[in-house]
Amino acid sequence: MVELEVNGKKVYLKEFPREALKGVVLGFLRSLKLKEEPKEIKITIKLEEKDGEEHP
């Protein structure tokens, strides 16, 4: 299962972007040579505002 939320709202992903996101994250994790296989992955990215500007 792959889910994406932006600003607390779920974003619907069709098959291609869903699988692409999954592939990018799994590829990144494989490059880290973790000791165990991932079963669940959670990523949180908080963007900071610069000089009062909001991110698009």
N, C-alpha and C. Protein backbone atom coordinates (compact mmCIF):
# COMPACT_ATOMS: atom_id res chain seq x y z
N MET A 1 0.85 -1.17 0.00
CA MET A 1 0.00 0.00 0.00
C MET A 1 0.90 1.24 0.00
N VAL A 2 0.54 2.20 -0.81
CA VAL A 2 1.26 3.47 -0.88
C VAL A 2 0.22 4.57 -0.72
N GLU A 3 0.43 5.47 0.24
CA GLU A 3 -0.45 6.61 0.44
C GLU A 3 0.39 7.87 0.51
N LEU A 4 -0.16 8.96 0.02
CA LEU A 4 0.51 10.25 0.07
C LEU A 4 -0.45 11.27 0.66
N GLU A 5 0.04 12.02 1.64
CA GLU A 5 -0.74 13.12 2.22
C GLU A 5 0.06 14.39 2.10
N VAL A 6 -0.61 15.48 1.73
CA VAL A 6 0.01 16.79 1.66
C VAL A 6 -0.86 17.74 2.47
N ASN A 7 -0.25 18.38 3.45
CA ASN A 7 -0.97 19.29 4.35
C ASN A 7 -2.17 18.61 4.99
N GLY A 8 -2.00 17.33 5.35
CA GLY A 8 -3.03 16.59 6.05
C GLY A 8 -4.14 16.05 5.15
N LYS A 9 -4.02 16.25 3.83
CA LYS A 9 -5.05 15.78 2.91
C LYS A 9 -4.47 14.66 2.04
N LYS A 10 -5.22 13.56 1.93
CA LYS A 10 -4.77 12.45 1.09
C LYS A 10 -4.79 12.86 -0.38
N VAL A 11 -3.74 12.46 -1.09
CA VAL A 11 -3.63 12.72 -2.52
C VAL A 11 -3.83 11.39 -3.24
N TYR A 12 -4.79 11.36 -4.16
CA TYR A 12 -5.05 10.15 -4.92
C TYR A 12 -3.92 9.94 -5.92
N LEU A 13 -3.35 8.75 -5.94
CA LEU A 13 -2.30 8.41 -6.88
C LEU A 13 -2.77 7.29 -7.79
N LYS A 14 -2.63 7.50 -9.08
CA LYS A 14 -2.91 6.42 -10.03
C LYS A 14 -1.76 5.42 -9.93
N GLU A 15 -1.89 4.33 -10.64
CA GLU A 15 -0.92 3.23 -10.52
C GLU A 15 0.52 3.66 -10.81
N PHE A 16 0.75 4.41 -11.91
CA PHE A 16 2.13 4.76 -12.25
C PHE A 16 2.82 5.61 -11.19
N PRO A 17 2.23 6.75 -10.75
CA PRO A 17 2.93 7.52 -9.72
C PRO A 17 3.05 6.77 -8.39
N ARG A 18 2.07 5.94 -8.08
CA ARG A 18 2.13 5.15 -6.85
C ARG A 18 3.31 4.18 -6.89
N GLU A 19 3.45 3.46 -8.00
CA GLU A 19 4.55 2.51 -8.14
C GLU A 19 5.90 3.23 -8.26
N ALA A 20 5.91 4.40 -8.90
CA ALA A 20 7.15 5.17 -9.04
C ALA A 20 7.63 5.64 -7.67
N LEU A 21 6.72 6.16 -6.85
CA LEU A 21 7.09 6.62 -5.51
C LEU A 21 7.62 5.45 -4.69
N LYS A 22 6.94 4.34 -4.75
CA LYS A 22 7.39 3.14 -4.03
C LYS A 22 8.78 2.71 -4.49
N GLY A 23 9.01 2.71 -5.80
CA GLY A 23 10.30 2.30 -6.35
C GLY A 23 11.43 3.22 -5.93
N VAL A 24 11.18 4.50 -5.92
CA VAL A 24 12.21 5.47 -5.52
C VAL A 24 12.59 5.26 -4.06
N VAL A 25 11.60 5.13 -3.20
CA VAL A 25 11.87 4.97 -1.77
C VAL A 25 12.57 3.64 -1.50
N LEU A 26 12.09 2.55 -2.10
CA LEU A 26 12.73 1.25 -1.89
C LEU A 26 14.15 1.23 -2.44
N GLY A 27 14.37 1.86 -3.59
CA GLY A 27 15.71 1.93 -4.15
C GLY A 27 16.66 2.69 -3.24
N PHE A 28 16.18 3.78 -2.67
CA PHE A 28 16.99 4.56 -1.73
C PHE A 28 17.35 3.71 -0.51
N LEU A 29 16.36 3.00 0.03
CA LEU A 29 16.61 2.19 1.22
C LEU A 29 17.57 1.04 0.93
N ARG A 30 17.45 0.43 -0.24
CA ARG A 30 18.38 -0.66 -0.60
C ARG A 30 19.82 -0.16 -0.67
N SER A 31 20.01 1.08 -1.10
CA SER A 31 21.36 1.62 -1.19
C SER A 31 21.98 1.83 0.20
N LEU A 32 21.15 1.87 1.23
CA LEU A 32 21.64 2.04 2.60
C LEU A 32 22.11 0.74 3.22
N LYS A 33 21.84 -0.38 2.55
CA LYS A 33 22.26 -1.71 3.03
C LYS A 33 21.82 -1.95 4.48
N LEU A 34 20.53 -1.80 4.71
CA LEU A 34 19.96 -2.01 6.05
C LEU A 34 20.12 -3.47 6.46
N LYS A 35 20.17 -3.72 7.76
CA LYS A 35 20.35 -5.08 8.26
C LYS A 35 19.10 -5.93 8.12
N GLU A 36 17.94 -5.31 8.05
CA GLU A 36 16.70 -6.08 7.90
C GLU A 36 15.85 -5.49 6.77
N GLU A 37 15.01 -6.34 6.20
CA GLU A 37 14.13 -5.93 5.11
C GLU A 37 13.03 -5.02 5.66
N PRO A 38 12.76 -3.88 5.03
CA PRO A 38 11.70 -3.00 5.54
C PRO A 38 10.32 -3.64 5.36
N LYS A 39 9.48 -3.46 6.37
CA LYS A 39 8.10 -3.95 6.33
C LYS A 39 7.11 -2.80 6.25
N GLU A 40 7.45 -1.69 6.90
CA GLU A 40 6.63 -0.48 6.86
C GLU A 40 7.58 0.70 6.86
N ILE A 41 7.29 1.67 6.03
CA ILE A 41 8.15 2.84 5.89
C ILE A 41 7.30 4.09 6.10
N LYS A 42 7.74 4.99 6.94
CA LYS A 42 7.05 6.26 7.14
C LYS A 42 8.05 7.38 6.90
N ILE A 43 7.66 8.34 6.09
CA ILE A 43 8.52 9.48 5.78
C ILE A 43 7.73 10.74 6.05
N THR A 44 8.32 11.66 6.79
CA THR A 44 7.71 12.97 7.04
C THR A 44 8.69 14.03 6.58
N ILE A 45 8.23 14.93 5.75
CA ILE A 45 9.06 16.03 5.29
C ILE A 45 8.32 17.31 5.62
N LYS A 46 8.92 18.15 6.43
CA LYS A 46 8.32 19.44 6.77
C LYS A 46 9.17 20.53 6.12
N LEU A 47 8.54 21.30 5.25
CA LEU A 47 9.23 22.37 4.56
C LEU A 47 9.12 23.64 5.38
N GLU A 48 10.25 24.32 5.53
CA GLU A 48 10.27 25.56 6.29
C GLU A 48 10.03 26.73 5.33
N GLU A 49 9.31 27.70 5.83
CA GLU A 49 9.07 28.89 5.03
C GLU A 49 10.30 29.79 5.12
N LYS A 50 10.63 30.43 4.00
CA LYS A 50 11.76 31.36 3.96
C LYS A 50 11.23 32.77 3.72
N ASP A 51 11.56 33.69 4.58
CA ASP A 51 11.18 35.09 4.42
C ASP A 51 9.70 35.28 4.18
N GLY A 52 8.87 34.52 4.89
CA GLY A 52 7.43 34.66 4.78
C GLY A 52 6.81 34.07 3.53
N GLU A 53 7.61 33.44 2.67
CA GLU A 53 7.09 32.82 1.45
C GLU A 53 6.51 31.46 1.75
N GLU A 54 5.45 31.10 1.06
CA GLU A 54 4.90 29.76 1.18
C GLU A 54 5.40 28.94 0.03
N HIS A 55 5.57 27.63 0.25
CA HIS A 55 5.99 26.73 -0.81
C HIS A 55 4.81 26.41 -1.70
N PRO A 56 5.05 26.33 -3.01
CA PRO A 56 3.95 26.02 -3.93
C PRO A 56 3.43 24.62 -3.73
